[in-house]
Amino acid sequence: MWRVPGLLCVRVARKSKFSGSWNRPAAFMSTLLINQPQYAWLKELGLREENDGVYNGSWGGRGEVITTYCPANNEPIARVRQASMADYEETVEKAREAWSIWADIPAPKRGEVVRQIGDALREKIQVLGSLVSLEMGKILVEGVGEVQEYVDVCDYAVGLSRMIGGPILPSERPGHALIEQWNPVGLVGIITAFNFPVAVYGWNNAIAMICGNACLWKGAPTTSLISVAVTKIIAKVLEDNKLPGAICSLTCGGADIGTAMAKDERVDLLSFTGSTQVGKQVALMVQERFGRSLLELGGNNAIIAFEDADLSLVVPSALFAAVGTAGQRCTTARRLFLHESIHDEVVNRLKKAYAQIRVGNPWDSNVLYGPLHTKQAVSMFLGAVEEAKKEGGTVVYGGKVMDRPGNYVEPTIVTGLDHDASIVHTETFAPILYVFKFKNEDEVFAWNNEVKQGLSSSIFTKDMGRIFRWLGPKGSDCGIVNVNIPTSGAEIGGAFGGEKHTGGGRESGSDAWKQYMRRSTCTINYSKDLPLAQGIKFQ
């Protein structure tokens, strides 16, 4: 049986100075967490001291070896050998060959395979969730919940596999049928970020598969063990169904592999999740070859609480949205706008709530707040706090690094800044909440929309007119527009994504499946005549 680890470590993937396991000193080997008894459960996921980071029907990898680290104590977990460019080329070719087989399988049959993937994930949900907690650093309940989200998307995709398709449209010409045909795009490249190393891949993978696509995954280097473990689970299902493993290929790697995917015309759709800065570079590279991209980028999300808001909802919502995952969600609340009549009371309540946050090892079941993912993230946190002070902000809670092993920082509340201060308009992936006073609806709706990103937003009010103005054309300009709930915690049944510098992509539910397919309008003449559209006579 697996055991929840007694120690956890976040890692910053670092290149090993050793080129192979045969020349690594025994002392170094023994320091890896995977070799310690309390982490023996990692081997239930098929992980070893050194893991192949390439899968295309068989496992391999000829690139550099990196070590992943646990954010809770910065101790090394295990190593992964990344893909070389030769590995990448081989994997793309095998993935495209596998697609030719997968695309011929009826969609409901593809759905059955995805159902089995969901069941296989269910069987490993606790141990895989523990790995997410260990390698990413989020608390255990969130790690398990992330795997559950992949399972849920698989369930959703199974039903979708019997429903995807286009309409039969009325033709203006006698004896003609006008239909909309949807076909898979081919090979879908999926580049995921460290903060949701399982769920975001699941959103893309399950839907892309039932649509008839093959998938090529490059996860974040710092969560490479998660990428390997998930791929092993999927590979077993494909093998049991006598299908090519390259249908779900993996190339662990860094910017070189990501750049290759963006520039590669054989990658028919590239789904990228990450920062706005890198996403813009990806979009330009893909567009240069007239390819298709699906972008899920940054968010500078706001909660707005009006004078009639239920504060028993506002305070826990702001707490969860700002502090959950240590502020490392793309939907994290980074701005809190409070009507001037309730500002002081809400800030005081928030400070008391922050003081009660249970901080600790993320795998402990009663902990609500874990570490930042890397040491670099800690530095960015400190830099943002100092910049906020320089711009006139007052730190009313937190603002410091915690005196404990790992990458822990204090959840932070800053007041007194202008709504358009430079630091406020800069997304910092850390638990910093900027709080503001506002006077009226028009003012605060404009403030919500003035940032470059447009991912998630939420208001708290009982005024029905205000609610529908918020949802309407002059309300929030975000892709996720909530009322009386936090900015975080979207359900899989709706399309997930945002506007403006968030990228415009949509994943998961609703009609997001259309992003993974190409549409053809087909006109079929079953008559013996040849009437032309618009009544044109050409004779």
Protein backbone atom coordinates (compact mmCIF):
# COMPACT_ATOMS: atom_id res chain seq x y z
CA MET A 1 0.00 0.00 0.00
CA TRP A 2 1.13 3.54 -0.72
CA ARG A 3 1.64 5.91 2.15
CA VAL A 4 1.18 9.65 2.28
CA PRO A 5 4.75 10.93 2.57
CA GLY A 6 6.00 12.13 5.90
CA LEU A 7 8.18 14.70 4.17
CA LEU A 8 7.60 16.58 0.94
CA CYS A 9 9.81 18.53 -1.36
CA VAL A 10 9.20 21.04 -4.12
CA ARG A 11 11.75 21.04 -6.78
CA VAL A 12 13.24 23.35 -9.23
CA ALA A 13 14.21 21.05 -12.08
CA ARG A 14 17.95 21.30 -12.30
CA LYS A 15 20.29 19.67 -14.74
CA SER A 16 22.31 16.90 -13.18
CA LYS A 17 26.05 17.12 -13.55
CA PHE A 18 26.03 13.35 -14.03
CA SER A 19 25.32 11.87 -17.44
CA GLY A 20 24.05 8.47 -16.41
CA SER A 21 23.04 6.45 -13.38
CA TRP A 22 26.10 4.23 -13.70
CA ASN A 23 28.46 7.01 -12.65
CA ARG A 24 26.42 8.64 -9.89
CA PRO A 25 27.93 8.24 -6.42
CA ALA A 26 26.00 6.01 -4.04
CA ALA A 27 25.73 8.89 -1.56
CA PHE A 28 23.87 10.98 -4.15
CA MET A 29 21.59 8.09 -5.04
CA SER A 30 20.62 7.53 -1.41
CA THR A 31 19.60 11.15 -0.93
CA LEU A 32 16.83 10.85 -3.51
CA LEU A 33 13.46 10.73 -1.81
CA ILE A 34 12.38 7.82 -3.97
CA ASN A 35 15.01 5.67 -2.20
CA GLN A 36 13.73 6.53 1.26
CA PRO A 37 11.24 4.09 2.84
CA GLN A 38 8.53 6.69 3.43
CA TYR A 39 8.45 7.42 -0.30
CA ALA A 40 8.38 3.82 -1.50
CA TRP A 41 4.82 4.46 -2.74
CA LEU A 42 6.32 6.37 -5.67
CA LYS A 43 7.32 3.05 -7.20
CA GLU A 44 3.65 2.06 -7.39
CA LEU A 45 3.47 4.59 -10.21
CA GLY A 46 6.31 2.85 -12.05
CA LEU A 47 8.84 5.52 -11.08
CA ARG A 48 12.53 4.82 -10.47
CA GLU A 49 15.69 6.71 -9.53
CA GLU A 50 16.14 7.68 -13.18
CA ASN A 51 13.14 7.72 -15.49
CA ASP A 52 12.83 7.85 -19.25
CA GLY A 53 11.11 11.05 -20.30
CA VAL A 54 10.11 10.05 -23.82
CA TYR A 55 7.24 7.77 -24.78
CA ASN A 56 6.11 7.02 -28.32
CA GLY A 57 5.05 3.40 -27.97
CA SER A 58 8.27 2.59 -26.17
CA TRP A 59 10.17 4.43 -23.45
CA GLY A 60 13.46 6.20 -23.99
CA GLY A 61 15.23 9.53 -23.91
CA ARG A 62 18.64 10.69 -25.04
CA GLY A 63 18.60 14.25 -23.72
CA GLU A 64 19.89 15.83 -20.53
CA VAL A 65 19.04 14.40 -17.13
CA ILE A 66 17.22 16.69 -14.71
CA THR A 67 16.42 16.23 -11.04
CA THR A 68 13.05 17.29 -9.70
CA TYR A 69 12.74 18.73 -6.21
CA CYS A 70 10.03 18.91 -3.60
CA PRO A 71 8.93 22.51 -2.86
CA ALA A 72 8.22 21.75 0.80
CA ASN A 73 11.89 21.08 1.61
CA ASN A 74 13.84 21.41 -1.67
CA GLU A 75 15.10 17.84 -1.43
CA PRO A 76 15.58 15.82 -4.65
CA ILE A 77 12.87 13.33 -5.54
CA ALA A 78 14.16 11.49 -8.62
CA ARG A 79 15.59 12.13 -12.07
CA VAL A 80 14.18 12.24 -15.59
CA ARG A 81 16.07 11.96 -18.85
CA GLN A 82 14.60 14.50 -21.25
CA ALA A 83 14.02 14.26 -24.97
CA SER A 84 16.72 15.12 -27.46
CA MET A 85 15.77 16.67 -30.78
CA ALA A 86 16.26 13.26 -32.37
CA ASP A 87 13.79 11.84 -29.84
CA TYR A 88 11.35 14.59 -30.72
CA GLU A 89 11.56 13.90 -34.46
CA GLU A 90 11.05 10.19 -33.93
CA THR A 91 8.11 10.77 -31.60
CA VAL A 92 6.31 13.13 -33.97
CA GLU A 93 6.61 10.61 -36.79
CA LYS A 94 5.30 7.79 -34.63
CA ALA A 95 2.46 9.94 -33.32
CA ARG A 96 1.33 10.79 -36.83
CA GLU A 97 1.49 7.13 -37.82
CA ALA A 98 -0.60 6.26 -34.76
CA TRP A 99 -3.13 8.93 -35.70
CA SER A 100 -3.89 7.18 -38.98
CA ILE A 101 -5.07 4.17 -36.97
CA TRP A 102 -6.85 6.09 -34.22
CA ALA A 103 -8.79 8.34 -36.61
CA ASP A 104 -10.39 5.31 -38.30
CA ILE A 105 -11.88 4.06 -35.04
CA PRO A 106 -15.52 5.18 -34.57
CA ALA A 107 -15.86 8.01 -32.08
CA PRO A 108 -17.95 5.98 -29.57
CA LYS A 109 -15.23 3.30 -29.59
CA ARG A 110 -12.65 5.99 -28.94
CA GLY A 111 -14.85 7.10 -26.07
CA GLU A 112 -14.68 3.60 -24.61
CA VAL A 113 -10.88 3.80 -24.53
CA VAL A 114 -11.08 7.19 -22.81
CA ARG A 115 -13.51 5.68 -20.30
CA GLN A 116 -10.89 3.05 -19.48
CA ILE A 117 -8.27 5.78 -19.02
CA GLY A 118 -10.59 7.45 -16.52
CA ASP A 119 -11.04 4.16 -14.65
CA ALA A 120 -7.27 3.59 -14.58
CA LEU A 121 -6.79 7.06 -13.11
CA ARG A 122 -9.44 6.32 -10.48
CA GLU A 123 -7.46 3.30 -9.34
CA LYS A 124 -4.36 5.46 -8.82
CA ILE A 125 -6.07 8.64 -7.66
CA GLN A 126 -4.64 8.74 -4.13
CA VAL A 127 -1.08 7.83 -5.00
CA LEU A 128 -1.03 10.07 -8.09
CA GLY A 129 -2.55 12.91 -6.07
CA SER A 130 0.22 12.41 -3.51
CA LEU A 131 2.81 12.76 -6.27
CA VAL A 132 1.18 16.03 -7.35
CA SER A 133 1.44 17.23 -3.76
CA LEU A 134 5.05 16.09 -3.51
CA GLU A 135 6.36 17.42 -6.82
CA MET A 136 4.18 20.48 -7.42
CA GLY A 137 3.67 21.46 -3.78
CA LYS A 138 -0.10 21.94 -3.61
CA ILE A 139 -1.99 20.53 -0.64
CA LEU A 140 -3.04 16.89 -0.83
CA VAL A 141 -6.75 17.50 -1.24
CA GLU A 142 -5.99 19.70 -4.25
CA GLY A 143 -3.57 17.14 -5.66
CA VAL A 144 -6.19 14.39 -5.46
CA GLY A 145 -8.82 16.82 -6.75
CA GLU A 146 -6.69 17.53 -9.78
CA VAL A 147 -6.63 13.85 -10.72
CA GLN A 148 -10.38 13.72 -10.09
CA GLU A 149 -10.79 16.55 -12.59
CA TYR A 150 -9.06 14.47 -15.26
CA VAL A 151 -11.37 11.57 -14.37
CA ASP A 152 -14.40 13.85 -14.63
CA VAL A 153 -13.30 15.10 -18.05
CA CYS A 154 -12.90 11.49 -19.20
CA ASP A 155 -16.48 10.77 -18.10
CA TYR A 156 -17.67 13.89 -19.91
CA ALA A 157 -15.73 12.95 -23.04
CA VAL A 158 -17.30 9.49 -23.16
CA GLY A 159 -20.76 10.99 -23.56
CA LEU A 160 -19.44 13.61 -25.94
CA SER A 161 -18.06 10.87 -28.20
CA ARG A 162 -21.66 10.01 -29.17
CA MET A 163 -22.70 13.62 -29.71
CA ILE A 164 -20.00 15.48 -31.64
CA GLY A 165 -21.01 16.49 -35.12
CA GLY A 166 -22.52 19.23 -37.18
CA PRO A 167 -26.04 20.10 -38.30
CA ILE A 168 -27.90 19.21 -41.46
CA LEU A 169 -28.80 22.59 -42.94
CA PRO A 170 -31.67 23.42 -45.29
CA SER A 171 -30.49 23.92 -48.86
CA GLU A 172 -32.06 26.51 -51.14
CA ARG A 173 -31.59 24.11 -54.07
CA PRO A 174 -33.96 21.20 -54.76
CA GLY A 175 -32.39 17.77 -54.50
CA HIS A 176 -29.44 19.02 -52.46
CA ALA A 177 -28.29 18.31 -48.92
CA LEU A 178 -26.16 20.77 -46.97
CA ILE A 179 -24.29 19.26 -44.03
CA GLU A 180 -21.51 20.29 -41.67
CA GLN A 181 -18.81 17.65 -41.27
CA TRP A 182 -16.32 17.70 -38.38
CA ASN A 183 -13.03 15.79 -38.59
CA PRO A 184 -10.01 15.59 -36.27
CA VAL A 185 -7.21 18.05 -36.89
CA GLY A 186 -4.59 15.28 -36.59
CA LEU A 187 -1.78 15.75 -34.08
CA VAL A 188 -2.47 17.93 -31.04
CA GLY A 189 0.56 19.26 -29.19
CA ILE A 190 -0.09 19.94 -25.51
CA ILE A 191 2.28 22.10 -23.45
CA THR A 192 1.23 22.34 -19.81
CA ALA A 193 2.38 24.41 -16.84
CA PHE A 194 3.61 23.36 -13.40
CA ASN A 195 0.58 24.55 -11.45
CA PHE A 196 -1.92 22.03 -12.85
CA PRO A 197 0.33 19.25 -14.15
CA VAL A 198 -2.48 16.67 -14.43
CA ALA A 199 -5.78 18.48 -14.92
CA VAL A 200 -4.83 20.74 -17.83
CA TYR A 201 -3.40 17.82 -19.75
CA GLY A 202 -6.61 15.93 -18.99
CA TRP A 203 -8.82 18.72 -20.34
CA ASN A 204 -6.94 18.59 -23.63
CA ASN A 205 -6.15 14.89 -23.87
CA ALA A 206 -9.57 13.37 -23.19
CA ILE A 207 -11.43 15.73 -25.53
CA ALA A 208 -8.77 15.60 -28.25
CA MET A 209 -8.80 11.79 -28.16
CA ILE A 210 -12.53 11.32 -28.61
CA CYS A 211 -12.34 13.81 -31.48
CA GLY A 212 -9.91 11.42 -33.18
CA ASN A 213 -6.58 13.13 -32.59
CA ALA A 214 -3.23 11.84 -31.44
CA CYS A 215 -1.58 13.83 -28.63
CA LEU A 216 2.01 14.92 -28.00
CA TRP A 217 2.61 16.19 -24.45
CA LYS A 218 5.37 18.36 -23.04
CA GLY A 219 4.81 19.12 -19.38
CA ALA A 220 6.75 21.57 -17.24
CA PRO A 221 10.30 20.30 -16.55
CA THR A 222 9.75 20.81 -12.83
CA THR A 223 6.84 18.35 -12.84
CA SER A 224 8.38 15.75 -15.12
CA LEU A 225 7.72 12.85 -12.76
CA ILE A 226 4.00 13.60 -12.91
CA SER A 227 4.13 13.62 -16.72
CA VAL A 228 5.87 10.25 -16.72
CA ALA A 229 3.50 8.70 -14.18
CA VAL A 230 0.35 9.85 -16.00
CA THR A 231 1.68 8.65 -19.34
CA LYS A 232 2.46 5.23 -17.88
CA ILE A 233 -1.17 4.90 -16.79
CA ILE A 234 -2.46 5.88 -20.24
CA ALA A 235 0.08 3.68 -22.04
CA LYS A 236 -1.15 0.59 -20.19
CA VAL A 237 -4.73 1.25 -21.33
CA LEU A 238 -3.65 1.69 -24.95
CA GLU A 239 -1.57 -1.48 -24.76
CA ASP A 240 -4.49 -3.46 -23.31
CA ASN A 241 -6.61 -2.31 -26.25
CA LYS A 242 -3.87 -3.27 -28.73
CA LEU A 243 -3.55 0.32 -29.87
CA PRO A 244 -0.34 2.22 -30.70
CA GLY A 245 1.09 3.84 -27.60
CA ALA A 246 2.13 6.85 -29.67
CA ILE A 247 -1.52 7.96 -29.71
CA CYS A 248 -0.57 9.60 -26.40
CA SER A 249 3.10 10.49 -26.77
CA LEU A 250 5.36 12.27 -24.30
CA THR A 251 8.50 14.35 -24.80
CA CYS A 252 9.78 15.80 -21.53
CA GLY A 253 11.98 18.78 -22.19
CA GLY A 254 12.56 22.48 -22.00
CA ALA A 255 12.23 25.44 -24.31
CA ASP A 256 13.93 23.62 -27.19
CA ILE A 257 11.16 21.03 -27.37
CA GLY A 258 8.45 23.66 -26.91
CA THR A 259 9.89 25.79 -29.69
CA ALA A 260 10.10 22.78 -31.98
CA MET A 261 6.42 22.03 -31.36
CA ALA A 262 5.42 25.64 -32.05
CA LYS A 263 7.32 25.72 -35.35
CA ASP A 264 6.45 22.20 -36.52
CA GLU A 265 3.86 22.09 -39.32
CA ARG A 266 3.18 18.46 -38.41
CA VAL A 267 1.63 19.67 -35.14
CA ASP A 268 -1.84 20.60 -36.36
CA LEU A 269 -2.99 22.27 -33.14
CA LEU A 270 -0.80 23.48 -30.29
CA SER A 271 -2.44 23.94 -26.91
CA PHE A 272 -0.25 26.05 -24.65
CA THR A 273 -0.82 26.85 -21.00
CA GLY A 274 1.58 29.28 -19.35
CA SER A 275 2.52 32.92 -18.99
CA THR A 276 1.26 35.64 -21.29
CA GLN A 277 4.83 36.54 -22.22
CA VAL A 278 5.74 33.04 -23.42
CA GLY A 279 2.27 32.51 -24.87
CA LYS A 280 2.72 35.49 -27.14
CA GLN A 281 5.96 34.01 -28.47
CA VAL A 282 4.24 30.67 -29.03
CA ALA A 283 1.31 32.31 -30.81
CA LEU A 284 3.60 34.20 -33.18
CA MET A 285 5.60 31.09 -34.04
CA VAL A 286 2.46 29.07 -34.71
CA GLN A 287 0.82 31.86 -36.70
CA GLU A 288 3.93 32.29 -38.81
CA ARG A 289 3.23 28.83 -40.25
CA PHE A 290 -0.54 29.48 -40.31
CA GLY A 291 -1.03 26.83 -37.67
CA ARG A 292 -3.69 26.66 -35.00
CA SER A 293 -3.08 27.47 -31.35
CA LEU A 294 -5.17 27.22 -28.20
CA LEU A 295 -3.84 29.58 -25.55
CA GLU A 296 -4.58 29.52 -21.82
CA LEU A 297 -2.43 32.31 -20.39
CA GLY A 298 -2.33 34.64 -17.40
CA GLY A 299 -5.08 36.15 -15.31
CA ASN A 300 -5.23 39.25 -13.12
CA ASN A 301 -8.53 38.35 -11.54
CA ALA A 302 -10.77 40.52 -9.39
CA ILE A 303 -13.48 40.04 -6.79
CA ILE A 304 -15.92 42.92 -6.30
CA ALA A 305 -18.03 43.18 -3.14
CA PHE A 306 -20.85 45.73 -3.11
CA GLU A 307 -22.48 47.32 -0.08
CA ASP A 308 -25.26 44.70 -0.09
CA ALA A 309 -22.87 41.73 -0.30
CA ASP A 310 -23.22 38.81 2.11
CA LEU A 311 -19.93 39.07 3.99
CA SER A 312 -20.25 35.47 5.17
CA LEU A 313 -19.70 34.59 1.50
CA VAL A 314 -17.22 37.33 0.62
CA VAL A 315 -14.57 36.56 3.24
CA PRO A 316 -14.20 32.79 2.68
CA SER A 317 -14.42 33.30 -1.08
CA ALA A 318 -11.63 35.88 -1.07
CA LEU A 319 -9.59 33.66 1.25
CA PHE A 320 -9.87 30.60 -1.00
CA ALA A 321 -9.40 32.53 -4.23
CA ALA A 322 -6.33 34.43 -3.00
CA VAL A 323 -4.60 31.79 -0.88
CA GLY A 324 -5.60 28.48 -2.48
CA THR A 325 -2.66 26.71 -4.18
CA ALA A 326 -0.52 29.41 -2.52
CA GLY A 327 -1.73 31.93 -5.09
CA GLN A 328 -0.46 29.88 -8.03
CA ARG A 329 -3.69 29.34 -9.95
CA CYS A 330 -4.34 31.23 -13.16
CA THR A 331 -7.74 32.02 -11.59
CA THR A 332 -6.27 33.25 -8.28
CA ALA A 333 -7.87 36.47 -7.04
CA ARG A 334 -5.18 39.16 -7.10
CA ARG A 335 -7.43 42.22 -6.75
CA LEU A 336 -10.24 42.75 -4.23
CA PHE A 337 -12.52 45.75 -4.75
CA LEU A 338 -14.63 46.60 -1.69
CA HIS A 339 -17.35 49.21 -1.51
CA GLU A 340 -16.15 51.99 0.75
CA SER A 341 -18.89 51.25 3.29
CA ILE A 342 -17.65 47.70 3.95
CA HIS A 343 -13.92 48.04 3.20
CA ASP A 344 -12.56 48.25 6.74
CA GLU A 345 -14.77 45.49 8.11
CA VAL A 346 -13.88 43.06 5.32
CA VAL A 347 -10.16 43.77 5.63
CA ASN A 348 -10.31 43.12 9.38
CA ARG A 349 -12.22 39.89 8.86
CA LEU A 350 -9.75 38.81 6.20
CA LYS A 351 -6.78 39.46 8.47
CA LYS A 352 -8.36 37.25 11.14
CA ALA A 353 -9.07 34.54 8.56
CA TYR A 354 -5.51 34.70 7.23
CA ALA A 355 -4.18 34.28 10.77
CA GLN A 356 -6.04 30.98 11.05
CA ILE A 357 -4.67 29.43 7.85
CA ARG A 358 -3.08 26.09 8.64
CA VAL A 359 0.40 26.06 7.09
CA GLY A 360 2.49 22.93 6.82
CA ASN A 361 3.58 19.96 4.76
CA PRO A 362 1.17 19.87 1.83
CA TRP A 363 0.53 16.14 2.22
CA ASP A 364 -0.85 16.56 5.73
CA SER A 365 -4.63 16.32 5.45
CA ASN A 366 -5.40 19.28 7.75
CA VAL A 367 -3.07 21.73 5.98
CA LEU A 368 -4.63 24.45 3.79
CA TYR A 369 -1.52 26.26 2.61
CA GLY A 370 1.71 24.90 1.19
CA PRO A 371 4.85 26.25 -0.46
CA LEU A 372 5.51 28.12 -3.64
CA HIS A 373 6.77 25.89 -6.41
CA THR A 374 10.35 27.15 -6.71
CA LYS A 375 12.93 29.40 -5.09
CA GLN A 376 12.55 31.71 -8.07
CA ALA A 377 8.88 32.15 -7.18
CA VAL A 378 9.91 33.19 -3.66
CA SER A 379 12.19 35.85 -5.12
CA MET A 380 9.39 37.15 -7.34
CA PHE A 381 7.10 37.31 -4.31
CA LEU A 382 9.60 39.40 -2.36
CA GLY A 383 10.19 41.67 -5.33
CA ALA A 384 6.47 42.29 -5.77
CA VAL A 385 5.99 43.11 -2.07
CA GLU A 386 8.83 45.63 -2.17
CA GLU A 387 7.51 47.20 -5.36
CA ALA A 388 4.04 47.50 -3.82
CA LYS A 389 5.54 49.38 -0.88
CA LYS A 390 7.45 51.72 -3.20
CA GLU A 391 4.24 52.52 -5.07
CA GLY A 392 2.47 53.51 -1.86
CA GLY A 393 0.97 50.26 -0.64
CA THR A 394 0.74 49.15 2.97
CA VAL A 395 1.27 45.50 3.88
CA VAL A 396 -1.44 44.82 6.46
CA TYR A 397 -0.77 41.10 6.62
CA GLY A 398 2.18 38.89 5.69
CA GLY A 399 4.79 40.01 3.22
CA LYS A 400 7.68 37.87 4.41
CA VAL A 401 9.36 34.53 3.78
CA MET A 402 8.52 31.94 6.43
CA ASP A 403 11.31 30.63 8.64
CA ARG A 404 11.00 26.97 7.71
CA PRO A 405 12.44 24.58 5.10
CA GLY A 406 11.10 24.86 1.58
CA ASN A 407 9.63 27.70 -0.42
CA TYR A 408 7.11 29.05 2.06
CA VAL A 409 5.97 32.67 2.08
CA GLU A 410 3.35 34.42 4.15
CA PRO A 411 0.00 34.99 2.44
CA THR A 412 -0.12 38.73 1.99
CA ILE A 413 -2.68 41.54 1.96
CA VAL A 414 -1.76 44.99 0.61
CA THR A 415 -3.95 48.09 0.88
CA GLY A 416 -3.56 51.73 -0.13
CA LEU A 417 -2.45 51.33 -3.73
CA ASP A 418 -4.04 53.07 -6.69
CA HIS A 419 -6.23 50.75 -8.74
CA ASP A 420 -4.01 51.32 -11.76
CA ALA A 421 -0.63 51.06 -10.00
CA SER A 422 2.00 49.31 -12.08
CA ILE A 423 2.44 46.41 -9.65
CA VAL A 424 -1.34 45.89 -9.52
CA HIS A 425 -1.43 45.47 -13.29
CA THR A 426 1.45 42.97 -13.15
CA GLU A 427 0.43 39.36 -12.53
CA THR A 428 2.62 37.88 -9.79
CA PHE A 429 2.18 34.14 -9.31
CA ALA A 430 2.12 34.36 -5.53
CA PRO A 431 -0.39 34.82 -2.67
CA ILE A 432 -0.56 38.63 -2.75
CA LEU A 433 -3.99 40.24 -2.58
CA TYR A 434 -4.32 43.96 -3.41
CA VAL A 435 -7.38 45.54 -1.76
CA PHE A 436 -9.12 48.74 -2.93
CA LYS A 437 -12.08 50.97 -2.06
CA PHE A 438 -14.64 51.93 -4.68
CA LYS A 439 -17.69 54.22 -4.74
CA ASN A 440 -20.02 53.02 -7.49
CA GLU A 441 -20.77 50.34 -10.04
CA ASP A 442 -19.56 52.09 -13.19
CA GLU A 443 -16.23 52.89 -11.57
CA VAL A 444 -15.51 49.38 -10.34
CA PHE A 445 -16.66 47.60 -13.50
CA ALA A 446 -14.17 49.77 -15.41
CA TRP A 447 -11.42 48.90 -12.91
CA ASN A 448 -12.15 45.21 -13.31
CA ASN A 449 -11.70 45.47 -17.06
CA GLU A 450 -8.69 47.80 -17.19
CA VAL A 451 -6.04 45.07 -16.86
CA LYS A 452 -4.70 43.37 -19.97
CA GLN A 453 -5.84 39.88 -19.02
CA GLY A 454 -9.45 38.73 -19.01
CA LEU A 455 -9.72 35.34 -17.35
CA SER A 456 -11.92 35.26 -14.23
CA SER A 457 -13.99 37.74 -12.25
CA SER A 458 -16.68 37.72 -9.59
CA ILE A 459 -19.09 40.09 -7.90
CA PHE A 460 -20.92 39.76 -4.60
CA THR A 461 -24.32 41.43 -4.51
CA LYS A 462 -28.04 40.76 -4.08
CA ASP A 463 -29.10 43.32 -6.71
CA MET A 464 -30.54 41.40 -9.68
CA GLY A 465 -30.25 44.34 -12.04
CA ARG A 466 -26.58 44.71 -11.17
CA ILE A 467 -26.01 40.99 -11.65
CA PHE A 468 -27.34 41.06 -15.19
CA ARG A 469 -25.46 44.25 -16.02
CA TRP A 470 -22.32 42.42 -14.82
CA LEU A 471 -23.10 39.51 -17.15
CA GLY A 472 -23.96 41.79 -20.06
CA PRO A 473 -21.99 43.62 -22.76
CA LYS A 474 -20.91 46.46 -20.46
CA GLY A 475 -20.06 44.22 -17.53
CA SER A 476 -17.08 41.94 -17.06
CA ASP A 477 -14.94 41.34 -20.13
CA CYS A 478 -13.63 38.02 -18.80
CA GLY A 479 -14.16 34.48 -20.02
CA ILE A 480 -15.31 33.42 -16.54
CA VAL A 481 -17.89 35.74 -14.98
CA ASN A 482 -19.15 34.70 -11.55
CA VAL A 483 -21.68 35.92 -9.02
CA ASN A 484 -21.40 35.26 -5.28
CA ILE A 485 -18.66 32.64 -5.67
CA PRO A 486 -14.83 32.87 -5.87
CA THR A 487 -12.84 33.39 -9.05
CA SER A 488 -11.32 29.91 -8.69
CA GLY A 489 -12.90 26.48 -8.88
CA ALA A 490 -14.47 26.22 -12.35
CA GLU A 491 -16.54 23.15 -13.20
CA ILE A 492 -15.56 20.96 -16.15
CA GLY A 493 -18.93 21.24 -17.92
CA GLY A 494 -18.33 24.83 -18.99
CA ALA A 495 -15.71 26.07 -21.41
CA PHE A 496 -12.62 27.27 -19.54
CA GLY A 497 -10.58 30.20 -20.81
CA GLY A 498 -10.32 33.95 -21.08
CA GLU A 499 -10.12 36.99 -23.29
CA LYS A 500 -7.51 39.60 -24.23
CA HIS A 501 -4.00 38.67 -23.02
CA THR A 502 -5.37 35.46 -21.51
CA GLY A 503 -5.28 34.15 -25.06
CA GLY A 504 -8.88 33.50 -26.10
CA GLY A 505 -8.64 29.71 -25.98
CA ARG A 506 -11.34 27.46 -24.53
CA GLU A 507 -10.85 24.01 -23.04
CA SER A 508 -12.89 21.34 -21.24
CA GLY A 509 -16.68 21.63 -21.58
CA SER A 510 -19.43 23.27 -23.65
CA ASP A 511 -18.36 23.33 -27.31
CA ALA A 512 -14.62 23.51 -26.61
CA TRP A 513 -14.34 20.21 -28.51
CA LYS A 514 -14.59 22.23 -31.74
CA GLN A 515 -11.08 23.58 -31.15
CA TYR A 516 -9.73 20.05 -31.69
CA MET A 517 -11.49 19.50 -35.01
CA ARG A 518 -11.72 21.02 -38.46
CA ARG A 519 -15.06 21.89 -40.04
CA SER A 520 -16.13 21.28 -43.62
CA THR A 521 -19.35 22.50 -45.19
CA CYS A 522 -20.49 19.79 -47.59
CA THR A 523 -23.10 20.15 -50.34
CA ILE A 524 -24.40 16.92 -51.86
CA ASN A 525 -26.41 16.94 -55.08
CA TYR A 526 -28.63 13.86 -55.23
CA SER A 527 -30.79 15.18 -58.09
CA LYS A 528 -30.29 15.00 -61.85
CA ASP A 529 -30.18 18.78 -62.21
CA LEU A 530 -27.46 21.33 -61.54
CA PRO A 531 -29.04 24.46 -60.04
CA LEU A 532 -26.54 27.05 -58.82
CA ALA A 533 -26.73 28.96 -55.57
CA GLN A 534 -28.22 32.45 -55.51
CA GLY A 535 -30.19 31.54 -58.66
CA ILE A 536 -27.20 32.15 -60.92
CA LYS A 537 -27.62 31.03 -64.54
CA PHE A 538 -24.37 30.10 -66.27
CA GLN A 539 -25.20 28.81 -69.73
